ModelCIF file with pLDDT and N, C-alpha, C, O atoms, coordinates in Angstrom:
data_MODEL
#
_entry.id   MODEL 
#
_entity.id                         1 
_entity.type                       polymer 
_entity.pdbx_number_of_molecules   1 
#
_entity_poly.entity_id                      1 
_entity_poly.type                           'polypeptide(L)' 
_entity_poly.nstd_linkage                   no 
_entity_poly.nstd_monomer                   no 
_entity_poly.pdbx_seq_one_letter_code       KFYKEKLSRRVRWPIGVLCFSLVYGQVYAQPLTLDTALKLAE 
_entity_poly.pdbx_seq_one_letter_code_can   KFYKEKLSRRVRWPIGVLCFSLVYGQVYAQPLTLDTALKLAE 
_entity_poly.pdbx_strand_id                 A 
#
loop_
_entity_poly_seq.entity_id 
_entity_poly_seq.num 
_entity_poly_seq.mon_id 
_entity_poly_seq.hetero 
1 1  LYS n 
1 2  PHE n 
1 3  TYR n 
1 4  LYS n 
1 5  GLU n 
1 6  LYS n 
1 7  LEU n 
1 8  SER n 
1 9  ARG n 
1 10 ARG n 
1 11 VAL n 
1 12 ARG n 
1 13 TRP n 
1 14 PRO n 
1 15 ILE n 
1 16 GLY n 
1 17 VAL n 
1 18 LEU n 
1 19 CYS n 
1 20 PHE n 
1 21 SER n 
1 22 LEU n 
1 23 VAL n 
1 24 TYR n 
1 25 GLY n 
1 26 GLN n 
1 27 VAL n 
1 28 TYR n 
1 29 ALA n 
1 30 GLN n 
1 31 PRO n 
1 32 LEU n 
1 33 THR n 
1 34 LEU n 
1 35 ASP n 
1 36 THR n 
1 37 ALA n 
1 38 LEU n 
1 39 LYS n 
1 40 LEU n 
1 41 ALA n 
1 42 GLU n 
#
_struct_asym.id          A 
_struct_asym.entity_id   1 
#
loop_
_ma_qa_metric.id 
_ma_qa_metric.mode 
_ma_qa_metric.name 
_ma_qa_metric.software_group_id 
_ma_qa_metric.type 
1 global pLDDT . pLDDT 
2 local  pLDDT . pLDDT 
#
_ma_qa_metric_global.metric_id      1 
_ma_qa_metric_global.metric_value   53.02 
_ma_qa_metric_global.model_id       1 
_ma_qa_metric_global.ordinal_id     1 
#
loop_
_ma_qa_metric_local.label_asym_id 
_ma_qa_metric_local.label_comp_id 
_ma_qa_metric_local.label_seq_id 
_ma_qa_metric_local.metric_id 
_ma_qa_metric_local.metric_value 
_ma_qa_metric_local.model_id 
_ma_qa_metric_local.ordinal_id 
A LYS 1  2 33.00 1 1  
A PHE 2  2 30.00 1 2  
A TYR 3  2 33.00 1 3  
A LYS 4  2 33.00 1 4  
A GLU 5  2 32.00 1 5  
A LYS 6  2 34.00 1 6  
A LEU 7  2 32.00 1 7  
A SER 8  2 35.00 1 8  
A ARG 9  2 39.00 1 9  
A ARG 10 2 39.00 1 10 
A VAL 11 2 39.00 1 11 
A ARG 12 2 41.00 1 12 
A TRP 13 2 39.00 1 13 
A PRO 14 2 40.00 1 14 
A ILE 15 2 39.00 1 15 
A GLY 16 2 35.00 1 16 
A VAL 17 2 30.00 1 17 
A LEU 18 2 32.00 1 18 
A CYS 19 2 33.00 1 19 
A PHE 20 2 34.00 1 20 
A SER 21 2 34.00 1 21 
A LEU 22 2 36.00 1 22 
A VAL 23 2 40.00 1 23 
A TYR 24 2 40.00 1 24 
A GLY 25 2 41.00 1 25 
A GLN 26 2 44.00 1 26 
A VAL 27 2 40.00 1 27 
A TYR 28 2 48.00 1 28 
A ALA 29 2 53.00 1 29 
A GLN 30 2 78.00 1 30 
A PRO 31 2 85.00 1 31 
A LEU 32 2 87.00 1 32 
A THR 33 2 89.00 1 33 
A LEU 34 2 91.00 1 34 
A ASP 35 2 91.00 1 35 
A THR 36 2 89.00 1 36 
A ALA 37 2 90.00 1 37 
A LEU 38 2 92.00 1 38 
A LYS 39 2 91.00 1 39 
A LEU 40 2 89.00 1 40 
A ALA 41 2 89.00 1 41 
A GLU 42 2 88.00 1 42 
#
loop_
_atom_site.group_PDB 
_atom_site.id 
_atom_site.type_symbol 
_atom_site.label_atom_id 
_atom_site.label_alt_id 
_atom_site.label_comp_id 
_atom_site.label_asym_id 
_atom_site.label_entity_id 
_atom_site.label_seq_id 
_atom_site.pdbx_PDB_ins_code 
_atom_site.Cartn_x 
_atom_site.Cartn_y 
_atom_site.Cartn_z 
_atom_site.occupancy 
_atom_site.B_iso_or_equiv 
_atom_site.pdbx_formal_charge 
_atom_site.auth_seq_id 
_atom_site.auth_comp_id 
_atom_site.auth_asym_id 
_atom_site.auth_atom_id 
_atom_site.pdbx_PDB_model_num 
ATOM 1   N N  . LYS A 1 1  ? 19.762  110.536 21.113 1.00 33.00 ? 1  LYS A N  1 
ATOM 2   C CA . LYS A 1 1  ? 20.997  110.579 21.875 1.00 33.00 ? 1  LYS A CA 1 
ATOM 3   C C  . LYS A 1 1  ? 20.923  111.610 22.987 1.00 33.00 ? 1  LYS A C  1 
ATOM 4   O O  . LYS A 1 1  ? 21.542  111.444 24.037 1.00 33.00 ? 1  LYS A O  1 
ATOM 5   N N  . PHE A 1 2  ? 20.164  112.678 22.755 1.00 30.00 ? 2  PHE A N  1 
ATOM 6   C CA . PHE A 1 2  ? 20.043  113.763 23.711 1.00 30.00 ? 2  PHE A CA 1 
ATOM 7   C C  . PHE A 1 2  ? 19.538  113.265 25.050 1.00 30.00 ? 2  PHE A C  1 
ATOM 8   O O  . PHE A 1 2  ? 19.828  113.866 26.084 1.00 30.00 ? 2  PHE A O  1 
ATOM 9   N N  . TYR A 1 3  ? 18.797  112.190 25.046 1.00 33.00 ? 3  TYR A N  1 
ATOM 10  C CA . TYR A 1 3  ? 18.153  111.709 26.258 1.00 33.00 ? 3  TYR A CA 1 
ATOM 11  C C  . TYR A 1 3  ? 18.861  110.558 26.932 1.00 33.00 ? 3  TYR A C  1 
ATOM 12  O O  . TYR A 1 3  ? 18.420  110.092 27.983 1.00 33.00 ? 3  TYR A O  1 
ATOM 13  N N  . LYS A 1 4  ? 19.940  110.093 26.356 1.00 33.00 ? 4  LYS A N  1 
ATOM 14  C CA . LYS A 1 4  ? 20.586  108.924 26.920 1.00 33.00 ? 4  LYS A CA 1 
ATOM 15  C C  . LYS A 1 4  ? 21.051  109.163 28.351 1.00 33.00 ? 4  LYS A C  1 
ATOM 16  O O  . LYS A 1 4  ? 21.005  108.247 29.171 1.00 33.00 ? 4  LYS A O  1 
ATOM 17  N N  . GLU A 1 5  ? 21.505  110.403 28.671 1.00 32.00 ? 5  GLU A N  1 
ATOM 18  C CA . GLU A 1 5  ? 21.977  110.699 30.004 1.00 32.00 ? 5  GLU A CA 1 
ATOM 19  C C  . GLU A 1 5  ? 20.831  110.950 30.977 1.00 32.00 ? 5  GLU A C  1 
ATOM 20  O O  . GLU A 1 5  ? 21.030  110.907 32.191 1.00 32.00 ? 5  GLU A O  1 
ATOM 21  N N  . LYS A 1 6  ? 19.644  111.209 30.459 1.00 34.00 ? 6  LYS A N  1 
ATOM 22  C CA . LYS A 1 6  ? 18.515  111.558 31.298 1.00 34.00 ? 6  LYS A CA 1 
ATOM 23  C C  . LYS A 1 6  ? 17.600  110.388 31.612 1.00 34.00 ? 6  LYS A C  1 
ATOM 24  O O  . LYS A 1 6  ? 16.818  110.441 32.562 1.00 34.00 ? 6  LYS A O  1 
ATOM 25  N N  . LEU A 1 7  ? 17.693  109.367 30.843 1.00 32.00 ? 7  LEU A N  1 
ATOM 26  C CA . LEU A 1 7  ? 16.668  108.346 30.894 1.00 32.00 ? 7  LEU A CA 1 
ATOM 27  C C  . LEU A 1 7  ? 16.712  107.478 32.126 1.00 32.00 ? 7  LEU A C  1 
ATOM 28  O O  . LEU A 1 7  ? 15.789  106.695 32.352 1.00 32.00 ? 7  LEU A O  1 
ATOM 29  N N  . SER A 1 8  ? 17.758  107.588 32.939 1.00 35.00 ? 8  SER A N  1 
ATOM 30  C CA . SER A 1 8  ? 17.807  106.835 34.177 1.00 35.00 ? 8  SER A CA 1 
ATOM 31  C C  . SER A 1 8  ? 16.975  107.492 35.270 1.00 35.00 ? 8  SER A C  1 
ATOM 32  O O  . SER A 1 8  ? 16.679  106.864 36.286 1.00 35.00 ? 8  SER A O  1 
ATOM 33  N N  . ARG A 1 9  ? 16.595  108.757 35.068 1.00 39.00 ? 9  ARG A N  1 
ATOM 34  C CA . ARG A 1 9  ? 15.778  109.480 36.031 1.00 39.00 ? 9  ARG A CA 1 
ATOM 35  C C  . ARG A 1 9  ? 14.387  108.883 36.068 1.00 39.00 ? 9  ARG A C  1 
ATOM 36  O O  . ARG A 1 9  ? 13.886  108.420 35.043 1.00 39.00 ? 9  ARG A O  1 
ATOM 37  N N  . ARG A 1 10 ? 13.763  108.885 37.218 1.00 39.00 ? 10 ARG A N  1 
ATOM 38  C CA . ARG A 1 10 ? 12.398  108.417 37.381 1.00 39.00 ? 10 ARG A CA 1 
ATOM 39  C C  . ARG A 1 10 ? 11.529  109.572 37.835 1.00 39.00 ? 10 ARG A C  1 
ATOM 40  O O  . ARG A 1 10 ? 11.843  110.277 38.793 1.00 39.00 ? 10 ARG A O  1 
ATOM 41  N N  . VAL A 1 11 ? 10.446  109.742 37.132 1.00 39.00 ? 11 VAL A N  1 
ATOM 42  C CA . VAL A 1 11 ? 9.456   110.741 37.488 1.00 39.00 ? 11 VAL A CA 1 
ATOM 43  C C  . VAL A 1 11 ? 8.302   110.031 38.167 1.00 39.00 ? 11 VAL A C  1 
ATOM 44  O O  . VAL A 1 11 ? 7.777   109.058 37.624 1.00 39.00 ? 11 VAL A O  1 
ATOM 45  N N  . ARG A 1 12 ? 7.905   110.478 39.305 1.00 41.00 ? 12 ARG A N  1 
ATOM 46  C CA . ARG A 1 12 ? 6.857   109.834 40.089 1.00 41.00 ? 12 ARG A CA 1 
ATOM 47  C C  . ARG A 1 12 ? 5.606   110.692 40.128 1.00 41.00 ? 12 ARG A C  1 
ATOM 48  O O  . ARG A 1 12 ? 5.620   111.846 40.556 1.00 41.00 ? 12 ARG A O  1 
ATOM 49  N N  . TRP A 1 13 ? 4.569   110.108 39.683 1.00 39.00 ? 13 TRP A N  1 
ATOM 50  C CA . TRP A 1 13 ? 3.207   110.643 39.795 1.00 39.00 ? 13 TRP A CA 1 
ATOM 51  C C  . TRP A 1 13 ? 2.281   109.458 39.809 1.00 39.00 ? 13 TRP A C  1 
ATOM 52  O O  . TRP A 1 13 ? 2.843   108.489 39.298 1.00 39.00 ? 13 TRP A O  1 
ATOM 53  N N  . PRO A 1 14 ? 1.017   109.185 40.228 1.00 40.00 ? 14 PRO A N  1 
ATOM 54  C CA . PRO A 1 14 ? 0.260   107.984 40.113 1.00 40.00 ? 14 PRO A CA 1 
ATOM 55  C C  . PRO A 1 14 ? -0.763  107.810 39.185 1.00 40.00 ? 14 PRO A C  1 
ATOM 56  O O  . PRO A 1 14 ? -1.322  108.582 38.406 1.00 40.00 ? 14 PRO A O  1 
ATOM 57  N N  . ILE A 1 15 ? -0.903  106.448 39.479 1.00 39.00 ? 15 ILE A N  1 
ATOM 58  C CA . ILE A 1 15 ? -2.234  105.913 39.256 1.00 39.00 ? 15 ILE A CA 1 
ATOM 59  C C  . ILE A 1 15 ? -2.465  105.044 40.413 1.00 39.00 ? 15 ILE A C  1 
ATOM 60  O O  . ILE A 1 15 ? -1.749  104.046 40.334 1.00 39.00 ? 15 ILE A O  1 
ATOM 61  N N  . GLY A 1 16 ? -3.100  105.056 41.314 1.00 35.00 ? 16 GLY A N  1 
ATOM 62  C CA . GLY A 1 16 ? -3.242  104.076 42.355 1.00 35.00 ? 16 GLY A CA 1 
ATOM 63  C C  . GLY A 1 16 ? -3.919  102.847 41.899 1.00 35.00 ? 16 GLY A C  1 
ATOM 64  O O  . GLY A 1 16 ? -4.721  102.867 40.966 1.00 35.00 ? 16 GLY A O  1 
ATOM 65  N N  . VAL A 1 17 ? -3.602  101.774 42.548 1.00 30.00 ? 17 VAL A N  1 
ATOM 66  C CA . VAL A 1 17 ? -4.270  100.525 42.194 1.00 30.00 ? 17 VAL A CA 1 
ATOM 67  C C  . VAL A 1 17 ? -5.368  100.285 43.229 1.00 30.00 ? 17 VAL A C  1 
ATOM 68  O O  . VAL A 1 17 ? -5.098  99.818  44.335 1.00 30.00 ? 17 VAL A O  1 
ATOM 69  N N  . LEU A 1 18 ? -6.593  100.605 42.864 1.00 32.00 ? 18 LEU A N  1 
ATOM 70  C CA . LEU A 1 18 ? -7.730  100.516 43.772 1.00 32.00 ? 18 LEU A CA 1 
ATOM 71  C C  . LEU A 1 18 ? -8.785  99.591  43.213 1.00 32.00 ? 18 LEU A C  1 
ATOM 72  O O  . LEU A 1 18 ? -8.882  99.415  41.998 1.00 32.00 ? 18 LEU A O  1 
ATOM 73  N N  . CYS A 1 19 ? -9.563  99.007  44.076 1.00 33.00 ? 19 CYS A N  1 
ATOM 74  C CA . CYS A 1 19 ? -10.665 98.141  43.652 1.00 33.00 ? 19 CYS A CA 1 
ATOM 75  C C  . CYS A 1 19 ? -11.824 98.985  43.177 1.00 33.00 ? 19 CYS A C  1 
ATOM 76  O O  . CYS A 1 19 ? -12.181 99.995  43.784 1.00 33.00 ? 19 CYS A O  1 
ATOM 77  N N  . PHE A 1 20 ? -12.397 98.549  42.086 1.00 34.00 ? 20 PHE A N  1 
ATOM 78  C CA . PHE A 1 20 ? -13.537 99.262  41.536 1.00 34.00 ? 20 PHE A CA 1 
ATOM 79  C C  . PHE A 1 20 ? -14.815 98.683  42.137 1.00 34.00 ? 20 PHE A C  1 
ATOM 80  O O  . PHE A 1 20 ? -15.274 97.606  41.753 1.00 34.00 ? 20 PHE A O  1 
ATOM 81  N N  . SER A 1 21 ? -15.368 99.415  43.074 1.00 34.00 ? 21 SER A N  1 
ATOM 82  C CA . SER A 1 21 ? -16.526 98.901  43.798 1.00 34.00 ? 21 SER A CA 1 
ATOM 83  C C  . SER A 1 21 ? -17.721 99.827  43.760 1.00 34.00 ? 21 SER A C  1 
ATOM 84  O O  . SER A 1 21 ? -18.691 99.601  44.483 1.00 34.00 ? 21 SER A O  1 
ATOM 85  N N  . LEU A 1 22 ? -17.683 100.859 42.943 1.00 36.00 ? 22 LEU A N  1 
ATOM 86  C CA . LEU A 1 22 ? -18.756 101.839 42.917 1.00 36.00 ? 22 LEU A CA 1 
ATOM 87  C C  . LEU A 1 22 ? -19.713 101.548 41.791 1.00 36.00 ? 22 LEU A C  1 
ATOM 88  O O  . LEU A 1 22 ? -19.299 101.091 40.725 1.00 36.00 ? 22 LEU A O  1 
ATOM 89  N N  . VAL A 1 23 ? -20.972 101.802 42.005 1.00 40.00 ? 23 VAL A N  1 
ATOM 90  C CA . VAL A 1 23 ? -21.988 101.688 40.983 1.00 40.00 ? 23 VAL A CA 1 
ATOM 91  C C  . VAL A 1 23 ? -22.517 103.079 40.709 1.00 40.00 ? 23 VAL A C  1 
ATOM 92  O O  . VAL A 1 23 ? -23.069 103.725 41.600 1.00 40.00 ? 23 VAL A O  1 
ATOM 93  N N  . TYR A 1 24 ? -22.348 103.552 39.463 1.00 40.00 ? 24 TYR A N  1 
ATOM 94  C CA . TYR A 1 24 ? -22.768 104.893 39.157 1.00 40.00 ? 24 TYR A CA 1 
ATOM 95  C C  . TYR A 1 24 ? -24.294 104.983 39.132 1.00 40.00 ? 24 TYR A C  1 
ATOM 96  O O  . TYR A 1 24 ? -24.990 104.008 38.846 1.00 40.00 ? 24 TYR A O  1 
ATOM 97  N N  . GLY A 1 25 ? -24.777 106.149 39.432 1.00 41.00 ? 25 GLY A N  1 
ATOM 98  C CA . GLY A 1 25 ? -26.202 106.378 39.574 1.00 41.00 ? 25 GLY A CA 1 
ATOM 99  C C  . GLY A 1 25 ? -26.583 106.566 41.014 1.00 41.00 ? 25 GLY A C  1 
ATOM 100 O O  . GLY A 1 25 ? -27.696 107.012 41.293 1.00 41.00 ? 25 GLY A O  1 
ATOM 101 N N  . GLN A 1 26 ? -25.713 106.246 41.940 1.00 44.00 ? 26 GLN A N  1 
ATOM 102 C CA . GLN A 1 26 ? -25.889 106.471 43.355 1.00 44.00 ? 26 GLN A CA 1 
ATOM 103 C C  . GLN A 1 26 ? -24.857 107.481 43.816 1.00 44.00 ? 26 GLN A C  1 
ATOM 104 O O  . GLN A 1 26 ? -23.860 107.726 43.137 1.00 44.00 ? 26 GLN A O  1 
ATOM 105 N N  . VAL A 1 27 ? -25.104 108.055 44.957 1.00 40.00 ? 27 VAL A N  1 
ATOM 106 C CA . VAL A 1 27 ? -24.134 108.981 45.524 1.00 40.00 ? 27 VAL A CA 1 
ATOM 107 C C  . VAL A 1 27 ? -22.869 108.205 45.851 1.00 40.00 ? 27 VAL A C  1 
ATOM 108 O O  . VAL A 1 27 ? -22.941 107.117 46.423 1.00 40.00 ? 27 VAL A O  1 
ATOM 109 N N  . TYR A 1 28 ? -21.707 108.753 45.495 1.00 48.00 ? 28 TYR A N  1 
ATOM 110 C CA . TYR A 1 28 ? -20.451 108.077 45.750 1.00 48.00 ? 28 TYR A CA 1 
ATOM 111 C C  . TYR A 1 28 ? -20.198 107.987 47.246 1.00 48.00 ? 28 TYR A C  1 
ATOM 112 O O  . TYR A 1 28 ? -20.209 108.993 47.955 1.00 48.00 ? 28 TYR A O  1 
ATOM 113 N N  . ALA A 1 29 ? -19.969 106.766 47.711 1.00 53.00 ? 29 ALA A N  1 
ATOM 114 C CA . ALA A 1 29 ? -19.655 106.564 49.122 1.00 53.00 ? 29 ALA A CA 1 
ATOM 115 C C  . ALA A 1 29 ? -18.223 106.947 49.423 1.00 53.00 ? 29 ALA A C  1 
ATOM 116 O O  . ALA A 1 29 ? -17.899 107.263 50.567 1.00 53.00 ? 29 ALA A O  1 
ATOM 117 N N  . GLN A 1 30 ? -17.364 106.926 48.428 1.00 78.00 ? 30 GLN A N  1 
ATOM 118 C CA . GLN A 1 30 ? -15.962 107.260 48.578 1.00 78.00 ? 30 GLN A CA 1 
ATOM 119 C C  . GLN A 1 30 ? -15.588 108.316 47.550 1.00 78.00 ? 30 GLN A C  1 
ATOM 120 O O  . GLN A 1 30 ? -16.248 108.438 46.518 1.00 78.00 ? 30 GLN A O  1 
ATOM 121 N N  . PRO A 1 31 ? -14.534 109.081 47.820 1.00 85.00 ? 31 PRO A N  1 
ATOM 122 C CA . PRO A 1 31 ? -14.082 110.056 46.829 1.00 85.00 ? 31 PRO A CA 1 
ATOM 123 C C  . PRO A 1 31 ? -13.692 109.366 45.519 1.00 85.00 ? 31 PRO A C  1 
ATOM 124 O O  . PRO A 1 31 ? -13.233 108.224 45.510 1.00 85.00 ? 31 PRO A O  1 
ATOM 125 N N  . LEU A 1 32 ? -13.884 110.078 44.433 1.00 87.00 ? 32 LEU A N  1 
ATOM 126 C CA . LEU A 1 32 ? -13.589 109.533 43.113 1.00 87.00 ? 32 LEU A CA 1 
ATOM 127 C C  . LEU A 1 32 ? -12.093 109.605 42.853 1.00 87.00 ? 32 LEU A C  1 
ATOM 128 O O  . LEU A 1 32 ? -11.533 110.693 42.717 1.00 87.00 ? 32 LEU A O  1 
ATOM 129 N N  . THR A 1 33 ? -11.451 108.457 42.784 1.00 89.00 ? 33 THR A N  1 
ATOM 130 C CA . THR A 1 33 ? -10.036 108.409 42.453 1.00 89.00 ? 33 THR A CA 1 
ATOM 131 C C  . THR A 1 33 ? -9.858  108.413 40.942 1.00 89.00 ? 33 THR A C  1 
ATOM 132 O O  . THR A 1 33 ? -10.813 108.189 40.198 1.00 89.00 ? 33 THR A O  1 
ATOM 133 N N  . LEU A 1 34 ? -8.653  108.665 40.495 1.00 91.00 ? 34 LEU A N  1 
ATOM 134 C CA . LEU A 1 34 ? -8.379  108.642 39.062 1.00 91.00 ? 34 LEU A CA 1 
ATOM 135 C C  . LEU A 1 34 ? -8.599  107.249 38.498 1.00 91.00 ? 34 LEU A C  1 
ATOM 136 O O  . LEU A 1 34 ? -9.137  107.099 37.401 1.00 91.00 ? 34 LEU A O  1 
ATOM 137 N N  . ASP A 1 35 ? -8.191  106.242 39.231 1.00 91.00 ? 35 ASP A N  1 
ATOM 138 C CA . ASP A 1 35 ? -8.348  104.869 38.760 1.00 91.00 ? 35 ASP A CA 1 
ATOM 139 C C  . ASP A 1 35 ? -9.822  104.521 38.564 1.00 91.00 ? 35 ASP A C  1 
ATOM 140 O O  . ASP A 1 35 ? -10.187 103.902 37.564 1.00 91.00 ? 35 ASP A O  1 
ATOM 141 N N  . THR A 1 36 ? -10.667 104.918 39.515 1.00 89.00 ? 36 THR A N  1 
ATOM 142 C CA . THR A 1 36 ? -12.096 104.661 39.399 1.00 89.00 ? 36 THR A CA 1 
ATOM 143 C C  . THR A 1 36 ? -12.696 105.444 38.241 1.00 89.00 ? 36 THR A C  1 
ATOM 144 O O  . THR A 1 36 ? -13.528 104.918 37.501 1.00 89.00 ? 36 THR A O  1 
ATOM 145 N N  . ALA A 1 37 ? -12.282 106.700 38.078 1.00 90.00 ? 37 ALA A N  1 
ATOM 146 C CA . ALA A 1 37 ? -12.772 107.519 36.970 1.00 90.00 ? 37 ALA A CA 1 
ATOM 147 C C  . ALA A 1 37 ? -12.445 106.883 35.627 1.00 90.00 ? 37 ALA A C  1 
ATOM 148 O O  . ALA A 1 37 ? -13.270 106.897 34.714 1.00 90.00 ? 37 ALA A O  1 
ATOM 149 N N  . LEU A 1 38 ? -11.255 106.330 35.503 1.00 92.00 ? 38 LEU A N  1 
ATOM 150 C CA . LEU A 1 38 ? -10.849 105.683 34.253 1.00 92.00 ? 38 LEU A CA 1 
ATOM 151 C C  . LEU A 1 38 ? -11.722 104.469 33.960 1.00 92.00 ? 38 LEU A C  1 
ATOM 152 O O  . LEU A 1 38 ? -12.125 104.255 32.817 1.00 92.00 ? 38 LEU A O  1 
ATOM 153 N N  . LYS A 1 39 ? -12.013 103.680 34.980 1.00 91.00 ? 39 LYS A N  1 
ATOM 154 C CA . LYS A 1 39 ? -12.836 102.492 34.786 1.00 91.00 ? 39 LYS A CA 1 
ATOM 155 C C  . LYS A 1 39 ? -14.271 102.862 34.432 1.00 91.00 ? 39 LYS A C  1 
ATOM 156 O O  . LYS A 1 39 ? -14.879 102.231 33.567 1.00 91.00 ? 39 LYS A O  1 
ATOM 157 N N  . LEU A 1 40 ? -14.821 103.887 35.100 1.00 89.00 ? 40 LEU A N  1 
ATOM 158 C CA . LEU A 1 40 ? -16.171 104.331 34.791 1.00 89.00 ? 40 LEU A CA 1 
ATOM 159 C C  . LEU A 1 40 ? -16.257 104.866 33.370 1.00 89.00 ? 40 LEU A C  1 
ATOM 160 O O  . LEU A 1 40 ? -17.212 104.570 32.652 1.00 89.00 ? 40 LEU A O  1 
ATOM 161 N N  . ALA A 1 41 ? -15.276 105.645 32.959 1.00 89.00 ? 41 ALA A N  1 
ATOM 162 C CA . ALA A 1 41 ? -15.275 106.225 31.613 1.00 89.00 ? 41 ALA A CA 1 
ATOM 163 C C  . ALA A 1 41 ? -15.244 105.134 30.548 1.00 89.00 ? 41 ALA A C  1 
ATOM 164 O O  . ALA A 1 41 ? -15.951 105.227 29.545 1.00 89.00 ? 41 ALA A O  1 
ATOM 165 N N  . GLU A 1 42 ? -14.431 104.103 30.757 1.00 88.00 ? 42 GLU A N  1 
ATOM 166 C CA . GLU A 1 42 ? -14.370 103.016 29.791 1.00 88.00 ? 42 GLU A CA 1 
ATOM 167 C C  . GLU A 1 42 ? -15.681 102.240 29.747 1.00 88.00 ? 42 GLU A C  1 
ATOM 168 O O  . GLU A 1 42 ? -15.807 101.284 28.982 1.00 88.00 ? 42 GLU A O  1 
#
């Protein structure tokens, strides 16, 4: 119940939706985004 008044608030932080086009083992042509890091880790 404590949160019923708060739950309409939206907190914004990302995950961007990016195409996974990197092949590990080579120098990254683009900066490592969080989305790419997640895909590589999996």
